[in-house]
All heavy atoms as atom14 arrays in JSON, in Angstrom:
{
  "sequence": "GKVITPPTSTGALVGITRDVTIKLAQKVGYPAIESNITPTDLFTADE",
  "atom14_mask": [
    [1, 1, 1, 1, 0, 0, 0, 0, 0, 0, 0, 0, 0, 0],
    [1, 1, 1, 1, 1, 1, 1, 1, 1, 0, 0, 0, 0, 0],
    [1, 1, 1, 1, 1, 1, 1, 0, 0, 0, 0, 0, 0, 0],
    [1, 1, 1, 1, 1, 1, 1, 1, 0, 0, 0, 0, 0, 0],
    [1, 1, 1, 1, 1, 1, 1, 0, 0, 0, 0, 0, 0, 0],
    [1, 1, 1, 1, 1, 1, 1, 0, 0, 0, 0, 0, 0, 0],
    [1, 1, 1, 1, 1, 1, 1, 0, 0, 0, 0, 0, 0, 0],
    [1, 1, 1, 1, 1, 1, 1, 0, 0, 0, 0, 0, 0, 0],
    [1, 1, 1, 1, 1, 1, 0, 0, 0, 0, 0, 0, 0, 0],
    [1, 1, 1, 1, 1, 1, 1, 0, 0, 0, 0, 0, 0, 0],
    [1, 1, 1, 1, 0, 0, 0, 0, 0, 0, 0, 0, 0, 0],
    [1, 1, 1, 1, 1, 0, 0, 0, 0, 0, 0, 0, 0, 0],
    [1, 1, 1, 1, 1, 1, 1, 1, 0, 0, 0, 0, 0, 0],
    [1, 1, 1, 1, 1, 1, 1, 0, 0, 0, 0, 0, 0, 0],
    [1, 1, 1, 1, 0, 0, 0, 0, 0, 0, 0, 0, 0, 0],
    [1, 1, 1, 1, 1, 1, 1, 1, 0, 0, 0, 0, 0, 0],
    [1, 1, 1, 1, 1, 1, 1, 0, 0, 0, 0, 0, 0, 0],
    [1, 1, 1, 1, 1, 1, 1, 1, 1, 1, 1, 0, 0, 0],
    [1, 1, 1, 1, 1, 1, 1, 1, 0, 0, 0, 0, 0, 0],
    [1, 1, 1, 1, 1, 1, 1, 0, 0, 0, 0, 0, 0, 0],
    [1, 1, 1, 1, 1, 1, 1, 0, 0, 0, 0, 0, 0, 0],
    [1, 1, 1, 1, 1, 1, 1, 1, 0, 0, 0, 0, 0, 0],
    [1, 1, 1, 1, 1, 1, 1, 1, 1, 0, 0, 0, 0, 0],
    [1, 1, 1, 1, 1, 1, 1, 1, 0, 0, 0, 0, 0, 0],
    [1, 1, 1, 1, 1, 0, 0, 0, 0, 0, 0, 0, 0, 0],
    [1, 1, 1, 1, 1, 1, 1, 1, 1, 0, 0, 0, 0, 0],
    [1, 1, 1, 1, 1, 1, 1, 1, 1, 0, 0, 0, 0, 0],
    [1, 1, 1, 1, 1, 1, 1, 0, 0, 0, 0, 0, 0, 0],
    [1, 1, 1, 1, 0, 0, 0, 0, 0, 0, 0, 0, 0, 0],
    [1, 1, 1, 1, 1, 1, 1, 1, 1, 1, 1, 1, 0, 0],
    [1, 1, 1, 1, 1, 1, 1, 0, 0, 0, 0, 0, 0, 0],
    [1, 1, 1, 1, 1, 0, 0, 0, 0, 0, 0, 0, 0, 0],
    [1, 1, 1, 1, 1, 1, 1, 1, 0, 0, 0, 0, 0, 0],
    [1, 1, 1, 1, 1, 1, 1, 1, 1, 0, 0, 0, 0, 0],
    [1, 1, 1, 1, 1, 1, 0, 0, 0, 0, 0, 0, 0, 0],
    [1, 1, 1, 1, 1, 1, 1, 1, 0, 0, 0, 0, 0, 0],
    [1, 1, 1, 1, 1, 1, 1, 1, 0, 0, 0, 0, 0, 0],
    [1, 1, 1, 1, 1, 1, 1, 0, 0, 0, 0, 0, 0, 0],
    [1, 1, 1, 1, 1, 1, 1, 0, 0, 0, 0, 0, 0, 0],
    [1, 1, 1, 1, 1, 1, 1, 0, 0, 0, 0, 0, 0, 0],
    [1, 1, 1, 1, 1, 1, 1, 1, 0, 0, 0, 0, 0, 0],
    [1, 1, 1, 1, 1, 1, 1, 1, 0, 0, 0, 0, 0, 0],
    [1, 1, 1, 1, 1, 1, 1, 1, 1, 1, 1, 0, 0, 0],
    [1, 1, 1, 1, 1, 1, 1, 0, 0, 0, 0, 0, 0, 0],
    [1, 1, 1, 1, 1, 0, 0, 0, 0, 0, 0, 0, 0, 0],
    [1, 1, 1, 1, 1, 1, 1, 1, 0, 0, 0, 0, 0, 0],
    [1, 1, 1, 1, 1, 1, 1, 1, 1, 0, 0, 0, 0, 0]
  ],
  "atom14_positions": [
    [[0.76, -1.16, -0.01], [-0.03, 0.05, -0.02], [0.77, 1.2, 0.03], [0.25, 2.36, -0.06], [0.0, 0.0, 0.0], [0.0, 0.0, 0.0], [0.0, 0.0, 0.0], [0.0, 0.0, 0.0], [0.0, 0.0, 0.0], [0.0, 0.0, 0.0], [0.0, 0.0, 0.0], [0.0, 0.0, 0.0], [0.0, 0.0, 0.0], [0.0, 0.0, 0.0]],
    [[2.11, 1.12, 0.0], [3.07, 2.34, 0.01], [3.58, 2.56, -1.31], [3.97, 1.55, -2.11], [4.13, 2.23, 0.97], [3.78, 2.18, 2.5], [5.02, 1.95, 3.33], [4.69, 1.97, 4.82], [5.86, 1.86, 5.68], [0.0, 0.0, 0.0], [0.0, 0.0, 0.0], [0.0, 0.0, 0.0], [0.0, 0.0, 0.0], [0.0, 0.0, 0.0]],
    [[3.65, 3.73, -1.71], [4.24, 4.18, -3.05], [5.58, 4.75, -2.69], [5.85, 5.69, -2.03], [3.32, 5.37, -3.7], [4.05, 5.77, -4.98], [1.8, 4.86, -3.93], [0.0, 0.0, 0.0], [0.0, 0.0, 0.0], [0.0, 0.0, 0.0], [0.0, 0.0, 0.0], [0.0, 0.0, 0.0], [0.0, 0.0, 0.0], [0.0, 0.0, 0.0]],
    [[6.68, 4.07, -3.39], [7.98, 4.25, -3.01], [8.79, 4.63, -4.3], [8.66, 3.92, -5.37], [8.59, 3.09, -2.4], [7.77, 2.6, -1.11], [10.04, 3.33, -1.88], [8.16, 1.22, -0.66], [0.0, 0.0, 0.0], [0.0, 0.0, 0.0], [0.0, 0.0, 0.0], [0.0, 0.0, 0.0], [0.0, 0.0, 0.0], [0.0, 0.0, 0.0]],
    [[9.71, 5.67, -4.2], [10.54, 5.99, -5.38], [11.88, 6.27, -4.91], [12.12, 6.66, -3.66], [9.99, 7.31, -6.16], [10.55, 7.49, -7.31], [10.16, 8.52, -5.3], [0.0, 0.0, 0.0], [0.0, 0.0, 0.0], [0.0, 0.0, 0.0], [0.0, 0.0, 0.0], [0.0, 0.0, 0.0], [0.0, 0.0, 0.0], [0.0, 0.0, 0.0]],
    [[12.86, 5.98, -5.64], [14.24, 6.22, -5.18], [14.66, 7.8, -4.95], [14.08, 8.63, -5.61], [15.14, 5.71, -6.37], [14.32, 4.73, -7.12], [12.93, 5.33, -7.02], [0.0, 0.0, 0.0], [0.0, 0.0, 0.0], [0.0, 0.0, 0.0], [0.0, 0.0, 0.0], [0.0, 0.0, 0.0], [0.0, 0.0, 0.0], [0.0, 0.0, 0.0]],
    [[15.47, 7.97, -3.97], [15.85, 9.32, -3.68], [16.7, 9.76, -4.79], [17.42, 9.02, -5.5], [16.72, 9.35, -2.29], [17.14, 7.82, -2.26], [16.11, 6.96, -3.05], [0.0, 0.0, 0.0], [0.0, 0.0, 0.0], [0.0, 0.0, 0.0], [0.0, 0.0, 0.0], [0.0, 0.0, 0.0], [0.0, 0.0, 0.0], [0.0, 0.0, 0.0]],
    [[16.9, 11.17, -4.96], [17.74, 11.76, -6.01], [19.23, 11.48, -5.79], [20.01, 11.7, -6.62], [17.37, 13.2, -6.17], [17.63, 13.89, -4.95], [16.08, 13.38, -6.62], [0.0, 0.0, 0.0], [0.0, 0.0, 0.0], [0.0, 0.0, 0.0], [0.0, 0.0, 0.0], [0.0, 0.0, 0.0], [0.0, 0.0, 0.0], [0.0, 0.0, 0.0]],
    [[19.48, 11.08, -4.57], [20.93, 10.78, -4.33], [21.42, 9.59, -5.06], [22.62, 9.37, -5.13], [21.1, 10.46, -2.79], [20.29, 9.37, -2.29], [0.0, 0.0, 0.0], [0.0, 0.0, 0.0], [0.0, 0.0, 0.0], [0.0, 0.0, 0.0], [0.0, 0.0, 0.0], [0.0, 0.0, 0.0], [0.0, 0.0, 0.0], [0.0, 0.0, 0.0]],
    [[20.6, 8.75, -5.71], [20.99, 7.8, -6.5], [21.37, 8.29, -7.85], [21.65, 7.49, -8.89], [19.83, 6.78, -6.7], [18.69, 7.44, -7.38], [19.38, 6.17, -5.52], [0.0, 0.0, 0.0], [0.0, 0.0, 0.0], [0.0, 0.0, 0.0], [0.0, 0.0, 0.0], [0.0, 0.0, 0.0], [0.0, 0.0, 0.0], [0.0, 0.0, 0.0]],
    [[21.21, 9.52, -8.17], [21.46, 10.15, -9.45], [20.23, 10.37, -10.38], [20.47, 10.79, -11.44], [0.0, 0.0, 0.0], [0.0, 0.0, 0.0], [0.0, 0.0, 0.0], [0.0, 0.0, 0.0], [0.0, 0.0, 0.0], [0.0, 0.0, 0.0], [0.0, 0.0, 0.0], [0.0, 0.0, 0.0], [0.0, 0.0, 0.0], [0.0, 0.0, 0.0]],
    [[19.04, 10.04, -9.74], [17.87, 10.17, -10.48], [17.39, 11.57, -10.67], [17.82, 12.53, -9.69], [16.76, 9.46, -9.74], [0.0, 0.0, 0.0], [0.0, 0.0, 0.0], [0.0, 0.0, 0.0], [0.0, 0.0, 0.0], [0.0, 0.0, 0.0], [0.0, 0.0, 0.0], [0.0, 0.0, 0.0], [0.0, 0.0, 0.0], [0.0, 0.0, 0.0]],
    [[16.72, 11.92, -11.71], [16.26, 13.23, -12.01], [15.14, 13.58, -11.07], [14.35, 12.79, -10.56], [15.62, 13.34, -13.41], [14.94, 14.59, -13.9], [15.93, 15.67, -14.02], [14.18, 14.31, -15.11], [0.0, 0.0, 0.0], [0.0, 0.0, 0.0], [0.0, 0.0, 0.0], [0.0, 0.0, 0.0], [0.0, 0.0, 0.0], [0.0, 0.0, 0.0]],
    [[15.19, 14.92, -10.63], [14.1, 15.42, -9.82], [12.9, 15.72, -10.77], [12.75, 16.86, -11.38], [14.49, 16.73, -9.05], [13.3, 17.22, -8.15], [15.79, 16.52, -8.26], [0.0, 0.0, 0.0], [0.0, 0.0, 0.0], [0.0, 0.0, 0.0], [0.0, 0.0, 0.0], [0.0, 0.0, 0.0], [0.0, 0.0, 0.0], [0.0, 0.0, 0.0]],
    [[12.21, 14.77, -11.1], [11.12, 14.77, -12.16], [9.86, 15.61, -11.71], [9.47, 15.47, -10.61], [0.0, 0.0, 0.0], [0.0, 0.0, 0.0], [0.0, 0.0, 0.0], [0.0, 0.0, 0.0], [0.0, 0.0, 0.0], [0.0, 0.0, 0.0], [0.0, 0.0, 0.0], [0.0, 0.0, 0.0], [0.0, 0.0, 0.0], [0.0, 0.0, 0.0]],
    [[9.47, 16.29, -12.66], [8.22, 17.08, -12.49], [7.13, 16.16, -12.35], [6.18, 16.26, -11.29], [7.93, 18.05, -13.74], [9.07, 18.95, -13.91], [6.69, 18.86, -13.43], [9.43, 19.98, -12.88], [0.0, 0.0, 0.0], [0.0, 0.0, 0.0], [0.0, 0.0, 0.0], [0.0, 0.0, 0.0], [0.0, 0.0, 0.0], [0.0, 0.0, 0.0]],
    [[6.94, 15.1, -13.22], [5.92, 14.16, -13.09], [6.01, 13.38, -11.82], [5.1, 12.87, -11.22], [5.77, 13.28, -14.3], [5.7, 14.06, -15.5], [4.56, 12.45, -14.37], [0.0, 0.0, 0.0], [0.0, 0.0, 0.0], [0.0, 0.0, 0.0], [0.0, 0.0, 0.0], [0.0, 0.0, 0.0], [0.0, 0.0, 0.0], [0.0, 0.0, 0.0]],
    [[7.25, 13.06, -11.56], [7.56, 12.33, -10.22], [6.97, 12.98, -8.98], [6.33, 12.44, -8.1], [9.06, 12.19, -10.05], [9.56, 11.69, -8.79], [11.13, 11.66, -8.76], [11.76, 11.12, -7.56], [11.91, 11.85, -6.36], [11.67, 13.12, -6.38], [12.53, 11.24, -5.36], [0.0, 0.0, 0.0], [0.0, 0.0, 0.0], [0.0, 0.0, 0.0]],
    [[7.26, 14.38, -8.92], [6.78, 15.26, -7.91], [5.18, 15.29, -7.75], [4.48, 15.2, -6.87], [7.24, 16.61, -8.04], [8.73, 16.65, -7.63], [9.25, 15.62, -7.17], [9.38, 17.74, -7.89], [0.0, 0.0, 0.0], [0.0, 0.0, 0.0], [0.0, 0.0, 0.0], [0.0, 0.0, 0.0], [0.0, 0.0, 0.0], [0.0, 0.0, 0.0]],
    [[4.61, 15.38, -9.05], [3.18, 15.29, -9.12], [2.61, 14.08, -8.65], [1.63, 14.01, -7.88], [2.66, 15.66, -10.59], [1.22, 15.38, -10.68], [3.04, 17.06, -11.06], [0.0, 0.0, 0.0], [0.0, 0.0, 0.0], [0.0, 0.0, 0.0], [0.0, 0.0, 0.0], [0.0, 0.0, 0.0], [0.0, 0.0, 0.0], [0.0, 0.0, 0.0]],
    [[3.3, 12.91, -8.9], [2.75, 11.6, -8.57], [2.8, 11.47, -7.08], [1.97, 10.91, -6.47], [3.58, 10.56, -9.31], [3.45, 10.68, -10.76], [3.1, 9.13, -8.98], [0.0, 0.0, 0.0], [0.0, 0.0, 0.0], [0.0, 0.0, 0.0], [0.0, 0.0, 0.0], [0.0, 0.0, 0.0], [0.0, 0.0, 0.0], [0.0, 0.0, 0.0]],
    [[3.89, 11.9, -6.49], [3.98, 11.8, -4.93], [2.79, 12.53, -4.39], [2.29, 12.03, -3.34], [5.42, 12.31, -4.54], [6.52, 11.35, -4.97], [5.44, 12.54, -3.02], [7.89, 12.01, -4.75], [0.0, 0.0, 0.0], [0.0, 0.0, 0.0], [0.0, 0.0, 0.0], [0.0, 0.0, 0.0], [0.0, 0.0, 0.0], [0.0, 0.0, 0.0]],
    [[2.58, 13.76, -4.78], [1.6, 14.6, -4.21], [0.19, 14.04, -4.5], [-0.73, 14.04, -3.59], [1.65, 16.04, -4.85], [2.76, 16.73, -4.29], [3.02, 18.07, -5.04], [4.08, 18.87, -4.55], [4.4, 20.1, -5.3], [0.0, 0.0, 0.0], [0.0, 0.0, 0.0], [0.0, 0.0, 0.0], [0.0, 0.0, 0.0], [0.0, 0.0, 0.0]],
    [[-0.05, 13.33, -5.67], [-1.32, 12.66, -5.93], [-1.57, 11.48, -5.02], [-2.59, 11.26, -4.44], [-1.36, 12.35, -7.35], [-1.59, 13.23, -8.48], [-1.74, 12.66, -9.83], [-3.06, 13.92, -8.13], [0.0, 0.0, 0.0], [0.0, 0.0, 0.0], [0.0, 0.0, 0.0], [0.0, 0.0, 0.0], [0.0, 0.0, 0.0], [0.0, 0.0, 0.0]],
    [[-0.49, 10.78, -4.9], [-0.71, 9.59, -3.96], [-0.9, 10.05, -2.56], [-1.89, 9.38, -1.92], [0.71, 8.81, -3.97], [0.0, 0.0, 0.0], [0.0, 0.0, 0.0], [0.0, 0.0, 0.0], [0.0, 0.0, 0.0], [0.0, 0.0, 0.0], [0.0, 0.0, 0.0], [0.0, 0.0, 0.0], [0.0, 0.0, 0.0], [0.0, 0.0, 0.0]],
    [[-0.27, 10.96, -2.02], [-0.49, 11.44, -0.74], [-2.06, 11.95, -0.62], [-2.7, 11.78, 0.43], [0.38, 12.5, -0.29], [1.83, 11.95, -0.11], [2.86, 12.95, -0.12], [2.69, 14.14, -0.4], [4.04, 12.73, 0.58], [0.0, 0.0, 0.0], [0.0, 0.0, 0.0], [0.0, 0.0, 0.0], [0.0, 0.0, 0.0], [0.0, 0.0, 0.0]],
    [[-2.44, 12.78, -1.76], [-3.74, 13.31, -1.68], [-4.82, 12.27, -1.66], [-5.93, 12.41, -0.88], [-3.94, 14.25, -2.98], [-5.27, 14.78, -3.16], [-5.48, 15.56, -4.37], [-6.85, 16.04, -4.66], [-6.98, 16.79, -5.96], [0.0, 0.0, 0.0], [0.0, 0.0, 0.0], [0.0, 0.0, 0.0], [0.0, 0.0, 0.0], [0.0, 0.0, 0.0]],
    [[-4.66, 11.08, -2.25], [-5.72, 10.13, -2.33], [-5.55, 9.01, -1.19], [-6.22, 8.02, -1.19], [-5.82, 9.38, -3.64], [-6.24, 10.43, -4.69], [-4.61, 8.72, -4.06], [0.0, 0.0, 0.0], [0.0, 0.0, 0.0], [0.0, 0.0, 0.0], [0.0, 0.0, 0.0], [0.0, 0.0, 0.0], [0.0, 0.0, 0.0], [0.0, 0.0, 0.0]],
    [[-4.51, 9.34, -0.43], [-4.47, 8.47, 0.88], [-3.4, 7.33, 0.83], [-3.38, 6.54, 1.75], [0.0, 0.0, 0.0], [0.0, 0.0, 0.0], [0.0, 0.0, 0.0], [0.0, 0.0, 0.0], [0.0, 0.0, 0.0], [0.0, 0.0, 0.0], [0.0, 0.0, 0.0], [0.0, 0.0, 0.0], [0.0, 0.0, 0.0], [0.0, 0.0, 0.0]],
    [[-2.5, 7.29, -0.06], [-1.48, 6.4, -0.19], [-0.15, 6.98, 0.44], [0.27, 7.99, -0.13], [-1.24, 5.85, -1.55], [-2.41, 5.24, -2.25], [-2.88, 5.8, -3.4], [-3.03, 4.04, -1.74], [-3.97, 5.23, -4.07], [-4.25, 3.59, -2.33], [-4.67, 4.11, -3.5], [-5.78, 3.53, -4.13], [0.0, 0.0, 0.0], [0.0, 0.0, 0.0]],
    [[0.49, 6.54, 1.4], [1.78, 6.99, 1.85], [2.75, 6.93, 0.71], [2.84, 5.93, 0.01], [2.24, 5.94, 2.91], [0.92, 5.3, 3.38], [0.03, 5.25, 2.18], [0.0, 0.0, 0.0], [0.0, 0.0, 0.0], [0.0, 0.0, 0.0], [0.0, 0.0, 0.0], [0.0, 0.0, 0.0], [0.0, 0.0, 0.0], [0.0, 0.0, 0.0]],
    [[3.41, 8.01, 0.35], [4.39, 8.12, -0.73], [5.69, 8.58, -0.07], [5.79, 9.68, 0.55], [3.85, 9.14, -1.68], [0.0, 0.0, 0.0], [0.0, 0.0, 0.0], [0.0, 0.0, 0.0], [0.0, 0.0, 0.0], [0.0, 0.0, 0.0], [0.0, 0.0, 0.0], [0.0, 0.0, 0.0], [0.0, 0.0, 0.0], [0.0, 0.0, 0.0]],
    [[6.82, 7.85, -0.29], [8.02, 8.05, 0.31], [9.23, 7.86, -0.55], [9.09, 7.24, -1.58], [8.26, 7.16, 1.55], [8.32, 5.73, 1.13], [7.31, 7.43, 2.62], [8.71, 4.8, 2.3], [0.0, 0.0, 0.0], [0.0, 0.0, 0.0], [0.0, 0.0, 0.0], [0.0, 0.0, 0.0], [0.0, 0.0, 0.0], [0.0, 0.0, 0.0]],
    [[10.33, 8.62, -0.34], [11.54, 8.28, -0.94], [12.36, 7.28, -0.24], [12.52, 7.43, 1.05], [12.36, 9.66, -1.15], [11.81, 10.59, -2.2], [12.77, 11.73, -2.37], [13.85, 11.76, -1.63], [12.55, 12.55, -3.11], [0.0, 0.0, 0.0], [0.0, 0.0, 0.0], [0.0, 0.0, 0.0], [0.0, 0.0, 0.0], [0.0, 0.0, 0.0]],
    [[12.82, 6.23, -0.83], [13.56, 5.21, -0.1], [14.42, 4.4, -1.07], [14.06, 4.2, -2.31], [12.64, 4.22, 0.61], [13.44, 3.27, 1.4], [0.0, 0.0, 0.0], [0.0, 0.0, 0.0], [0.0, 0.0, 0.0], [0.0, 0.0, 0.0], [0.0, 0.0, 0.0], [0.0, 0.0, 0.0], [0.0, 0.0, 0.0], [0.0, 0.0, 0.0]],
    [[15.61, 3.91, -0.63], [16.41, 3.16, -1.62], [15.62, 1.85, -1.89], [14.95, 1.37, -1.14], [17.67, 2.73, -0.84], [18.77, 3.82, -0.97], [18.75, 4.66, -1.81], [19.54, 3.86, 0.17], [0.0, 0.0, 0.0], [0.0, 0.0, 0.0], [0.0, 0.0, 0.0], [0.0, 0.0, 0.0], [0.0, 0.0, 0.0], [0.0, 0.0, 0.0]],
    [[15.67, 1.46, -3.17], [15.02, 0.29, -3.78], [16.1, -0.67, -4.27], [16.84, -0.25, -5.14], [13.9, 0.63, -4.72], [12.86, 1.64, -4.22], [13.44, -0.6, -5.33], [11.95, 2.28, -5.25], [0.0, 0.0, 0.0], [0.0, 0.0, 0.0], [0.0, 0.0, 0.0], [0.0, 0.0, 0.0], [0.0, 0.0, 0.0], [0.0, 0.0, 0.0]],
    [[16.12, -1.8, -3.81], [17.07, -2.84, -4.33], [16.45, -3.55, -5.51], [15.14, -3.53, -5.61], [17.43, -3.85, -3.29], [16.29, -4.66, -2.9], [17.94, -3.2, -1.95], [0.0, 0.0, 0.0], [0.0, 0.0, 0.0], [0.0, 0.0, 0.0], [0.0, 0.0, 0.0], [0.0, 0.0, 0.0], [0.0, 0.0, 0.0], [0.0, 0.0, 0.0]],
    [[17.19, -4.27, -6.29], [16.5, -5.1, -7.31], [15.57, -6.05, -6.8], [14.52, -6.25, -7.34], [17.84, -5.81, -8.03], [18.79, -4.81, -7.95], [18.6, -4.18, -6.48], [0.0, 0.0, 0.0], [0.0, 0.0, 0.0], [0.0, 0.0, 0.0], [0.0, 0.0, 0.0], [0.0, 0.0, 0.0], [0.0, 0.0, 0.0], [0.0, 0.0, 0.0]],
    [[15.86, -6.57, -5.65], [14.88, -7.59, -4.98], [13.65, -6.84, -4.7], [12.57, -7.46, -4.87], [15.58, -8.23, -3.85], [16.72, -9.02, -4.2], [14.61, -9.14, -3.14], [0.0, 0.0, 0.0], [0.0, 0.0, 0.0], [0.0, 0.0, 0.0], [0.0, 0.0, 0.0], [0.0, 0.0, 0.0], [0.0, 0.0, 0.0], [0.0, 0.0, 0.0]],
    [[13.63, -5.76, -4.12], [12.5, -4.97, -3.82], [11.67, -4.77, -5.11], [10.38, -4.89, -5.05], [12.85, -3.56, -3.33], [13.54, -3.62, -1.9], [13.2, -4.52, -1.1], [14.31, -2.61, -1.56], [0.0, 0.0, 0.0], [0.0, 0.0, 0.0], [0.0, 0.0, 0.0], [0.0, 0.0, 0.0], [0.0, 0.0, 0.0], [0.0, 0.0, 0.0]],
    [[12.29, -4.53, -6.21], [11.63, -4.33, -7.4], [10.98, -5.65, -7.97], [9.76, -5.58, -8.33], [12.44, -3.74, -8.5], [11.92, -3.54, -9.87], [10.72, -2.68, -9.91], [13.0, -2.88, -10.87], [0.0, 0.0, 0.0], [0.0, 0.0, 0.0], [0.0, 0.0, 0.0], [0.0, 0.0, 0.0], [0.0, 0.0, 0.0], [0.0, 0.0, 0.0]],
    [[11.75, -6.64, -7.81], [11.15, -7.99, -8.44], [9.98, -8.5, -7.61], [9.14, -9.06, -8.17], [12.32, -9.06, -8.24], [13.56, -8.8, -9.17], [14.79, -9.29, -8.88], [13.36, -8.23, -10.42], [15.85, -9.02, -9.69], [14.53, -7.99, -11.21], [15.69, -8.48, -10.97], [0.0, 0.0, 0.0], [0.0, 0.0, 0.0], [0.0, 0.0, 0.0]],
    [[9.94, -8.14, -6.32], [8.9, -8.6, -5.37], [7.8, -7.51, -5.13], [7.03, -7.72, -4.18], [9.55, -9.15, -4.19], [10.26, -8.01, -3.39], [10.53, -10.21, -4.41], [0.0, 0.0, 0.0], [0.0, 0.0, 0.0], [0.0, 0.0, 0.0], [0.0, 0.0, 0.0], [0.0, 0.0, 0.0], [0.0, 0.0, 0.0], [0.0, 0.0, 0.0]],
    [[7.92, -6.4, -5.89], [6.88, -5.4, -5.62], [5.53, -5.84, -6.0], [5.34, -6.76, -6.77], [7.31, -4.15, -6.44], [0.0, 0.0, 0.0], [0.0, 0.0, 0.0], [0.0, 0.0, 0.0], [0.0, 0.0, 0.0], [0.0, 0.0, 0.0], [0.0, 0.0, 0.0], [0.0, 0.0, 0.0], [0.0, 0.0, 0.0], [0.0, 0.0, 0.0]],
    [[4.6, -5.18, -5.42], [3.1, -5.47, -5.84], [2.8, -4.84, -7.13], [2.0, -5.45, -7.9], [2.21, -4.99, -4.63], [2.44, -5.6, -3.28], [2.72, -6.76, -3.25], [2.3, -4.82, -2.28], [0.0, 0.0, 0.0], [0.0, 0.0, 0.0], [0.0, 0.0, 0.0], [0.0, 0.0, 0.0], [0.0, 0.0, 0.0], [0.0, 0.0, 0.0]],
    [[3.36, -3.7, -7.27], [3.12, -2.95, -8.57], [4.41, -2.15, -8.82], [5.24, -1.95, -7.88], [1.94, -2.01, -8.45], [0.66, -2.54, -8.02], [-0.45, -1.57, -7.78], [-0.38, -0.6, -8.53], [-1.2, -1.78, -6.85], [0.0, 0.0, 0.0], [0.0, 0.0, 0.0], [0.0, 0.0, 0.0], [0.0, 0.0, 0.0], [0.0, 0.0, 0.0]]
  ]
}
């Protein structure tokens, strides 16, 4: 139920759509956080 995206410390772009998505998730009630994501986290993600 949590929406997770890598922090920009990984070299990722501070995306405009990324920021909009974080705010939308929070607005509709889904916790949205920045956190390191491993390949295993991605392989076993719900979405």
